[in-house]
């Protein structure tokens, strides 16, 4: 559970965590051994464990996009490659969909990412999952994609393009 309190000089964020739960704060993974309440006294980027998507769960185009945006938040050292990956995935989705809800959602998420507000972009992208599921219908999820294929290694210099569905369209052919 989170609670924000506004102050003139700073914003304070209260996080309540259960035993064993993790939170990702400014790239650090924090796990608590008992129920605890944390108060973040200054501006910090964080993501609660319940909203963290594992690489093997990135089985649809929007989930791959979410994973790229999430990487910007929880692995700041990979923010540059993750931002490039985000742009490529977004471009691929926009190339194959005519669905207004997806296109409008991606435009809004793009603006948030560009403004440095990846956390809000994640919330928006999660909200598009149901529309994506409706469009994909009974299609099986994409095969598992290894983490290295989603976020290129800074050392290898190799960039792989994530697999996407052939079409996300509201038009029924």
Protein backbone atom coordinates (compact mmCIF):
# COMPACT_ATOMS: atom_id res chain seq x y z
CA UNK A 1 0.00 0.00 0.00
CA UNK A 2 1.28 3.48 -0.78
CA UNK A 3 0.22 6.87 0.44
CA UNK A 4 1.49 10.24 -0.76
CA UNK A 5 1.63 13.35 1.35
CA UNK A 6 2.28 16.73 -0.20
CA UNK A 7 4.70 19.15 1.38
CA UNK A 8 5.88 22.51 0.18
CA UNK A 9 9.52 21.43 -0.26
CA UNK A 10 9.25 17.66 -0.87
CA UNK A 11 6.88 14.80 -1.45
CA UNK A 12 6.82 11.99 1.10
CA UNK A 13 5.78 8.49 0.07
CA UNK A 14 4.67 5.84 2.58
CA UNK A 15 5.06 2.18 1.63
CA UNK A 16 3.68 -0.71 3.67
CA UNK A 17 5.35 -4.04 2.94
CA UNK A 18 4.62 -7.56 4.16
CA UNK A 19 7.29 -9.99 5.33
CA UNK A 20 9.33 -11.26 2.40
CA UNK A 21 8.02 -8.59 0.01
CA UNK A 22 10.39 -6.65 -2.24
CA UNK A 23 10.42 -3.11 -3.51
CA UNK A 24 12.71 -1.71 -6.19
CA UNK A 25 13.98 1.74 -5.19
CA UNK A 26 16.26 3.73 -7.50
CA UNK A 27 17.63 0.49 -8.96
CA UNK A 28 18.18 -1.23 -5.62
CA UNK A 29 16.17 -4.31 -4.66
CA UNK A 30 15.03 -4.15 -1.04
CA UNK A 31 13.45 -7.20 0.64
CA UNK A 32 12.03 -6.96 4.13
CA UNK A 33 12.06 -9.82 6.63
CA UNK A 34 8.98 -8.65 8.53
CA UNK A 35 6.03 -6.36 8.09
CA UNK A 36 7.36 -2.84 7.79
CA UNK A 37 6.36 0.66 6.80
CA UNK A 38 8.85 2.76 4.87
CA UNK A 39 8.71 6.49 4.40
CA UNK A 40 10.56 7.81 1.38
CA UNK A 41 11.45 11.35 2.38
CA UNK A 42 12.69 12.57 -0.99
CA UNK A 43 11.98 11.98 -4.65
CA UNK A 44 12.69 8.32 -5.45
CA UNK A 45 11.77 6.00 -8.26
CA UNK A 46 10.25 2.78 -6.96
CA UNK A 47 8.23 -0.19 -8.10
CA UNK A 48 6.44 -2.64 -5.83
CA UNK A 49 7.11 -6.33 -6.38
CA UNK A 50 3.49 -7.02 -7.35
CA UNK A 51 3.89 -4.80 -10.41
CA UNK A 52 7.19 -6.26 -11.58
CA UNK A 53 6.85 -8.29 -14.76
CA UNK A 54 9.37 -11.11 -15.15
CA UNK A 55 11.03 -11.49 -18.57
CA UNK A 56 9.35 -14.85 -19.20
CA UNK A 57 5.95 -13.18 -18.64
CA UNK A 58 6.54 -10.67 -21.47
CA UNK A 59 4.59 -12.84 -23.92
CA UNK A 60 2.59 -10.19 -25.79
CA UNK A 61 3.64 -6.94 -27.48
CA UNK A 62 2.22 -4.74 -24.69
CA UNK A 63 3.84 -6.87 -22.01
CA UNK A 64 7.18 -6.53 -23.84
CA UNK A 65 6.65 -2.77 -23.95
CA UNK A 66 5.87 -2.81 -20.21
CA UNK A 67 9.04 -4.82 -19.54
CA UNK A 68 11.15 -2.24 -21.40
CA UNK A 69 9.58 0.65 -19.44
CA UNK A 70 9.99 -1.28 -16.19
CA UNK A 71 13.69 -1.78 -16.95
CA UNK A 72 14.10 1.99 -17.17
CA UNK A 73 12.83 2.19 -13.59
CA UNK A 74 14.42 -0.73 -11.80
CA UNK A 75 17.74 -0.91 -13.67
CA UNK A 76 18.89 2.67 -14.20
CA UNK A 77 22.20 1.50 -15.69
CA UNK A 78 20.20 -0.07 -18.56
CA UNK A 79 17.86 2.92 -19.05
CA UNK A 80 19.43 3.95 -22.37
CA UNK A 81 19.17 0.54 -24.06
CA UNK A 82 15.73 0.01 -22.46
CA UNK A 83 14.51 3.34 -23.87
CA UNK A 84 15.72 2.33 -27.36
CA UNK A 85 14.02 -1.05 -27.01
CA UNK A 86 10.82 0.66 -25.82
CA UNK A 87 10.84 2.86 -28.94
CA UNK A 88 11.32 -0.14 -31.27
CA UNK A 89 8.55 -2.17 -29.63
CA UNK A 90 6.20 0.82 -29.65
CA UNK A 91 6.94 1.44 -33.32
CA UNK A 92 6.21 -2.21 -34.11
CA UNK A 93 2.88 -2.16 -32.27
CA UNK A 94 1.81 1.07 -33.95
CA UNK A 95 2.73 -0.39 -37.35
CA UNK A 96 0.26 -3.26 -36.96
CA UNK A 97 -2.69 -1.87 -35.02
CA UNK A 98 -5.59 0.33 -35.96
CA UNK A 99 -7.27 -0.03 -32.54
CA UNK A 100 -7.86 3.53 -31.24
CA UNK A 101 -7.62 2.55 -27.56
CA UNK A 102 -4.18 0.98 -28.10
CA UNK A 103 -2.92 3.83 -30.30
CA UNK A 104 -4.17 6.53 -27.91
CA UNK A 105 -2.80 4.65 -24.90
CA UNK A 106 0.60 4.27 -26.53
CA UNK A 107 0.68 7.98 -27.38
CA UNK A 108 -0.06 8.86 -23.76
CA UNK A 109 2.49 6.31 -22.45
CA UNK A 110 5.10 7.67 -24.86
CA UNK A 111 4.57 11.20 -23.54
CA UNK A 112 4.95 9.94 -19.97
CA UNK A 113 8.17 8.06 -20.76
CA UNK A 114 9.58 11.12 -22.52
CA UNK A 115 8.69 13.24 -19.48
CA UNK A 116 10.61 10.83 -17.22
CA UNK A 117 7.41 9.44 -15.70
CA UNK A 118 7.86 5.75 -16.53
CA UNK A 119 5.95 4.69 -13.41
CA UNK A 120 2.76 6.33 -14.70
CA UNK A 121 3.42 4.86 -18.17
CA UNK A 122 3.50 1.39 -16.59
CA UNK A 123 0.08 1.93 -15.05
CA UNK A 124 -1.29 3.09 -18.38
CA UNK A 125 0.20 0.14 -20.30
CA UNK A 126 -1.21 -2.35 -17.75
CA UNK A 127 -4.61 -0.78 -18.36
CA UNK A 128 -4.33 -1.72 -22.07
CA UNK A 129 -3.80 -5.44 -21.43
CA UNK A 130 -7.54 -6.24 -21.58
CA UNK A 131 -7.93 -4.51 -24.95
CA UNK A 132 -4.90 -6.35 -26.26
CA UNK A 133 -6.29 -9.69 -25.03
CA UNK A 134 -9.59 -9.00 -26.82
CA UNK A 135 -7.75 -8.22 -30.05
CA UNK A 136 -5.46 -11.24 -29.84
CA UNK A 137 -8.38 -13.51 -29.05
CA UNK A 138 -7.64 -17.20 -28.76
CA UNK A 139 -4.08 -16.87 -30.06
CA UNK A 140 -1.56 -18.54 -27.82
CA UNK A 141 0.96 -16.30 -26.08
CA UNK A 142 4.31 -15.80 -27.75
CA UNK A 143 7.00 -18.30 -26.82
CA UNK A 144 9.08 -17.47 -23.78
CA UNK A 145 11.69 -14.85 -24.61
CA UNK A 146 14.94 -15.00 -22.67
CA UNK A 147 15.79 -11.83 -20.72
CA UNK A 148 18.85 -11.16 -22.91
CA UNK A 149 16.57 -10.81 -25.93
CA UNK A 150 14.46 -8.15 -24.22
CA UNK A 151 17.19 -6.00 -22.71
CA UNK A 152 20.45 -5.95 -24.66
CA UNK A 153 23.60 -6.38 -22.66
CA UNK A 154 25.61 -3.18 -22.38
CA UNK A 155 28.79 -5.23 -22.91
CA UNK A 156 27.75 -7.23 -25.97
CA UNK A 157 26.51 -4.31 -28.05
CA UNK A 158 24.06 -6.71 -29.68
CA UNK A 159 20.46 -5.67 -30.00
CA UNK A 160 17.75 -8.16 -30.69
CA UNK A 161 14.31 -7.23 -31.81
CA UNK A 162 11.60 -8.74 -29.61
CA UNK A 163 9.02 -10.93 -31.30
CA UNK A 164 5.66 -9.31 -31.91
CA UNK A 165 2.32 -10.54 -33.15
CA UNK A 166 1.60 -10.13 -36.85
CA UNK A 167 -1.43 -7.88 -36.31
CA UNK A 168 -3.25 -6.02 -33.59
CA UNK A 169 -6.26 -4.70 -35.37
CA UNK A 170 -9.89 -4.25 -34.61
CA UNK A 171 -10.63 -5.06 -38.26
CA UNK A 172 -11.82 -8.62 -38.73
CA UNK A 173 -10.71 -10.00 -42.07
